[in-house]
Amino acid sequence: AVILKRSELNSSIVLKEEQATVEPAKIYVIEDYIFVNDKRRGFHIFDNSDPANTIKKNFLTIPGATDIAIRNNNFYINQATDLVVLTFDLNDFSFEIVKRVENVFPKVASPDGDVHYADDDSVVVNWLEK
């Protein structure tokens, strides 16, 4: 299991330079941007203002994230067991975490279906391949 302390999880959302895609999952479109989830790692951000020349811009690191809903520049993200709401400014790519509701989602199960019971101060965000 890949485990983060609660304090690490709470400060783990970071905007970084573009990265290679490891395990692409769901795709989301807002205005001229495409967000591609990299399962349990975060979201790749693409500038799609010219669909014939889509440009990979950044990577929004969010350990444990597998889904997002977007409304009025509010991003609703599952981060492992938590629901995180952040505002994301597409003009300057800045963001602010507005709210975190802990333990909304079930614990992240292993590929075998097992659940690792981390202590109350830790959260499983992913599983490594055996």
C-alpha atoms as a PDB file:
ATOM      1  CA  ALA A   1       0.000   0.000   0.000  1.00  0.00           C
ATOM      2  CA  VAL A   2       1.058   3.595  -0.644  1.00  0.00           C
ATOM      3  CA  ILE A   3       0.200   5.410   2.569  1.00  0.00           C
ATOM      4  CA  LEU A   4       0.312   9.116   3.419  1.00  0.00           C
ATOM      5  CA  LYS A   5      -0.006  10.654   6.845  1.00  0.00           C
ATOM      6  CA  ARG A   6      -3.132  12.807   7.098  1.00  0.00           C
ATOM      7  CA  SER A   7      -0.977  15.968   7.280  1.00  0.00           C
ATOM      8  CA  GLU A   8       0.858  14.928   4.077  1.00  0.00           C
ATOM      9  CA  LEU A   9      -2.416  14.173   2.286  1.00  0.00           C
ATOM     10  CA  ASN A  10      -3.862  17.537   3.289  1.00  0.00           C
ATOM     11  CA  SER A  11      -0.905  19.379   1.739  1.00  0.00           C
ATOM     12  CA  SER A  12      -0.291  17.099  -1.252  1.00  0.00           C
ATOM     13  CA  ILE A  13      -2.190  18.989  -3.961  1.00  0.00           C
ATOM     14  CA  VAL A  14       0.460  20.750  -6.040  1.00  0.00           C
ATOM     15  CA  LEU A  15       0.588  22.171  -9.574  1.00  0.00           C
ATOM     16  CA  LYS A  16       3.740  20.926 -11.337  1.00  0.00           C
ATOM     17  CA  GLU A  17       5.298  20.930 -14.776  1.00  0.00           C
ATOM     18  CA  GLU A  18       3.949  18.411 -17.276  1.00  0.00           C
ATOM     19  CA  GLN A  19       4.706  14.749 -16.586  1.00  0.00           C
ATOM     20  CA  ALA A  20       4.517  11.475 -18.455  1.00  0.00           C
ATOM     21  CA  THR A  21       1.176   9.728 -18.241  1.00  0.00           C
ATOM     22  CA  VAL A  22       1.228   6.463 -16.293  1.00  0.00           C
ATOM     23  CA  GLU A  23      -2.371   5.210 -16.149  1.00  0.00           C
ATOM     24  CA  PRO A  24      -4.802   7.497 -18.006  1.00  0.00           C
ATOM     25  CA  ALA A  25      -8.415   7.312 -16.945  1.00  0.00           C
ATOM     26  CA  LYS A  26     -11.328   9.745 -17.169  1.00  0.00           C
ATOM     27  CA  ILE A  27     -11.316  12.882 -19.322  1.00  0.00           C
ATOM     28  CA  TYR A  28     -12.932  16.219 -18.440  1.00  0.00           C
ATOM     29  CA  VAL A  29     -13.333  19.352 -20.550  1.00  0.00           C
ATOM     30  CA  ILE A  30     -13.791  22.886 -19.249  1.00  0.00           C
ATOM     31  CA  GLU A  31     -13.579  25.877 -21.571  1.00  0.00           C
ATOM     32  CA  ASP A  32     -10.426  25.422 -23.698  1.00  0.00           C
ATOM     33  CA  TYR A  33      -8.807  22.908 -21.343  1.00  0.00           C
ATOM     34  CA  ILE A  34      -8.810  19.146 -21.050  1.00  0.00           C
ATOM     35  CA  PHE A  35      -8.106  17.429 -17.741  1.00  0.00           C
ATOM     36  CA  VAL A  36      -7.027  13.787 -17.996  1.00  0.00           C
ATOM     37  CA  ASN A  37      -6.978  11.804 -14.776  1.00  0.00           C
ATOM     38  CA  ASP A  38      -3.838   9.755 -14.194  1.00  0.00           C
ATOM     39  CA  LYS A  39      -5.372   7.193 -11.858  1.00  0.00           C
ATOM     40  CA  ARG A  40      -4.541   7.881  -8.216  1.00  0.00           C
ATOM     41  CA  ARG A  41      -1.833  10.400  -9.205  1.00  0.00           C
ATOM     42  CA  GLY A  42      -3.671  13.546 -10.332  1.00  0.00           C
ATOM     43  CA  PHE A  43      -4.670  15.353 -13.529  1.00  0.00           C
ATOM     44  CA  HIS A  44      -2.786  16.250 -16.703  1.00  0.00           C
ATOM     45  CA  ILE A  45      -3.876  19.624 -18.043  1.00  0.00           C
ATOM     46  CA  PHE A  46      -3.959  20.260 -21.795  1.00  0.00           C
ATOM     47  CA  ASP A  47      -4.578  23.545 -23.612  1.00  0.00           C
ATOM     48  CA  ASN A  48      -7.094  22.711 -26.317  1.00  0.00           C
ATOM     49  CA  SER A  49      -7.726  26.235 -27.604  1.00  0.00           C
ATOM     50  CA  ASP A  50      -6.460  24.950 -30.964  1.00  0.00           C
ATOM     51  CA  PRO A  51      -7.812  21.376 -31.245  1.00  0.00           C
ATOM     52  CA  ALA A  52      -5.413  20.663 -34.132  1.00  0.00           C
ATOM     53  CA  ASN A  53      -2.519  21.500 -31.809  1.00  0.00           C
ATOM     54  CA  THR A  54      -3.377  20.400 -28.260  1.00  0.00           C
ATOM     55  CA  ILE A  55      -0.576  21.308 -25.834  1.00  0.00           C
ATOM     56  CA  LYS A  56       0.254  19.506 -22.581  1.00  0.00           C
ATOM     57  CA  LYS A  57       0.596  22.269 -19.975  1.00  0.00           C
ATOM     58  CA  ASN A  58       0.823  21.077 -16.387  1.00  0.00           C
ATOM     59  CA  PHE A  59       0.165  18.262 -13.963  1.00  0.00           C
ATOM     60  CA  LEU A  60      -2.046  18.798 -10.928  1.00  0.00           C
ATOM     61  CA  THR A  61      -0.686  16.311  -8.396  1.00  0.00           C
ATOM     62  CA  ILE A  62      -3.461  14.865  -6.232  1.00  0.00           C
ATOM     63  CA  PRO A  63      -2.428  11.521  -4.702  1.00  0.00           C
ATOM     64  CA  GLY A  64      -5.388   9.122  -4.569  1.00  0.00           C
ATOM     65  CA  ALA A  65      -7.566  11.055  -7.043  1.00  0.00           C
ATOM     66  CA  THR A  66      -9.693   9.137  -9.533  1.00  0.00           C
ATOM     67  CA  ASP A  67     -12.585  11.453 -10.321  1.00  0.00           C
ATOM     68  CA  ILE A  68     -13.547  15.092 -10.670  1.00  0.00           C
ATOM     69  CA  ALA A  69     -16.679  17.131 -11.277  1.00  0.00           C
ATOM     70  CA  ILE A  70     -16.372  20.751 -12.383  1.00  0.00           C
ATOM     71  CA  ARG A  71     -18.905  23.528 -12.017  1.00  0.00           C
ATOM     72  CA  ASN A  72     -18.268  27.281 -12.161  1.00  0.00           C
ATOM     73  CA  ASN A  73     -14.499  26.795 -11.705  1.00  0.00           C
ATOM     74  CA  ASN A  74     -15.134  24.753  -8.570  1.00  0.00           C
ATOM     75  CA  PHE A  75     -13.453  21.383  -8.790  1.00  0.00           C
ATOM     76  CA  TYR A  76     -14.962  18.565  -6.721  1.00  0.00           C
ATOM     77  CA  ILE A  77     -12.329  15.856  -6.419  1.00  0.00           C
ATOM     78  CA  ASN A  78     -12.205  12.525  -4.660  1.00  0.00           C
ATOM     79  CA  GLN A  79      -8.796  12.210  -3.045  1.00  0.00           C
ATOM     80  CA  ALA A  80      -8.576   8.673  -1.665  1.00  0.00           C
ATOM     81  CA  THR A  81     -11.230   8.798   1.080  1.00  0.00           C
ATOM     82  CA  ASP A  82     -11.792  12.564   1.039  1.00  0.00           C
ATOM     83  CA  LEU A  83     -13.942  14.968  -0.957  1.00  0.00           C
ATOM     84  CA  VAL A  84     -11.896  18.063  -1.806  1.00  0.00           C
ATOM     85  CA  VAL A  85     -13.355  21.256  -3.232  1.00  0.00           C
ATOM     86  CA  LEU A  86     -10.992  23.727  -4.817  1.00  0.00           C
ATOM     87  CA  THR A  87     -11.357  26.790  -6.975  1.00  0.00           C
ATOM     88  CA  PHE A  88      -9.180  26.703 -10.069  1.00  0.00           C
ATOM     89  CA  ASP A  89      -8.433  29.872 -12.010  1.00  0.00           C
ATOM     90  CA  LEU A  90      -7.878  28.926 -15.652  1.00  0.00           C
ATOM     91  CA  ASN A  91      -6.371  32.341 -16.412  1.00  0.00           C
ATOM     92  CA  ASP A  92      -3.266  31.907 -14.273  1.00  0.00           C
ATOM     93  CA  PHE A  93      -3.572  28.251 -13.214  1.00  0.00           C
ATOM     94  CA  SER A  94      -3.787  29.156  -9.554  1.00  0.00           C
ATOM     95  CA  PHE A  95      -5.969  27.216  -7.171  1.00  0.00           C
ATOM     96  CA  GLU A  96      -7.184  27.354  -3.607  1.00  0.00           C
ATOM     97  CA  ILE A  97      -8.553  24.517  -1.518  1.00  0.00           C
ATOM     98  CA  VAL A  98     -11.959  25.671  -0.319  1.00  0.00           C
ATOM     99  CA  LYS A  99     -13.022  22.636   1.673  1.00  0.00           C
ATOM    100  CA  ARG A 100     -11.989  19.089   2.556  1.00  0.00           C
ATOM    101  CA  VAL A 101     -14.515  16.595   3.912  1.00  0.00           C
ATOM    102  CA  GLU A 102     -12.652  13.624   5.334  1.00  0.00           C
ATOM    103  CA  ASN A 103     -13.701   9.984   5.000  1.00  0.00           C
ATOM    104  CA  VAL A 104     -16.542  10.464   2.520  1.00  0.00           C
ATOM    105  CA  PHE A 105     -15.413   7.644   0.222  1.00  0.00           C
ATOM    106  CA  PRO A 106     -14.551   4.024   1.076  1.00  0.00           C
ATOM    107  CA  LYS A 107     -10.935   3.115   1.787  1.00  0.00           C
ATOM    108  CA  VAL A 108      -8.863   2.330  -1.303  1.00  0.00           C
ATOM    109  CA  ALA A 109      -8.880  -1.441  -1.788  1.00  0.00           C
ATOM    110  CA  SER A 110      -5.944  -3.351  -3.226  1.00  0.00           C
ATOM    111  CA  PRO A 111      -6.114  -4.919  -6.702  1.00  0.00           C
ATOM    112  CA  ASP A 112      -6.875  -8.187  -4.864  1.00  0.00           C
ATOM    113  CA  GLY A 113      -9.792  -6.558  -3.046  1.00  0.00           C
ATOM    114  CA  ASP A 114      -8.039  -6.398   0.324  1.00  0.00           C
ATOM    115  CA  VAL A 115      -8.264  -3.268   2.442  1.00  0.00           C
ATOM    116  CA  HIS A 116      -5.220  -2.106   4.396  1.00  0.00           C
ATOM    117  CA  TYR A 117      -6.305  -0.667   7.704  1.00  0.00           C
ATOM    118  CA  ALA A 118      -3.983   2.290   8.201  1.00  0.00           C
ATOM    119  CA  ASP A 119      -4.065   4.009  11.566  1.00  0.00           C
ATOM    120  CA  ASP A 120      -6.397   6.963  12.109  1.00  0.00           C
ATOM    121  CA  ASP A 121      -3.634   9.390  11.101  1.00  0.00           C
ATOM    122  CA  SER A 122      -2.897   7.677   7.746  1.00  0.00           C
ATOM    123  CA  VAL A 123      -4.660   7.159   4.422  1.00  0.00           C
ATOM    124  CA  VAL A 124      -4.031   4.608   1.654  1.00  0.00           C
ATOM    125  CA  VAL A 125      -3.791   6.547  -1.630  1.00  0.00           C
ATOM    126  CA  ASN A 126      -2.662   3.781  -4.013  1.00  0.00           C
ATOM    127  CA  TRP A 127      -1.349   0.243  -4.372  1.00  0.00           C
ATOM    128  CA  LEU A 128       1.861  -0.761  -6.052  1.00  0.00           C
ATOM    129  CA  GLU A 129       1.876  -3.648  -8.494  1.00  0.00           C
ATOM    130  CA  LYS A 130       3.188  -6.895  -7.043  1.00  0.00           C
END
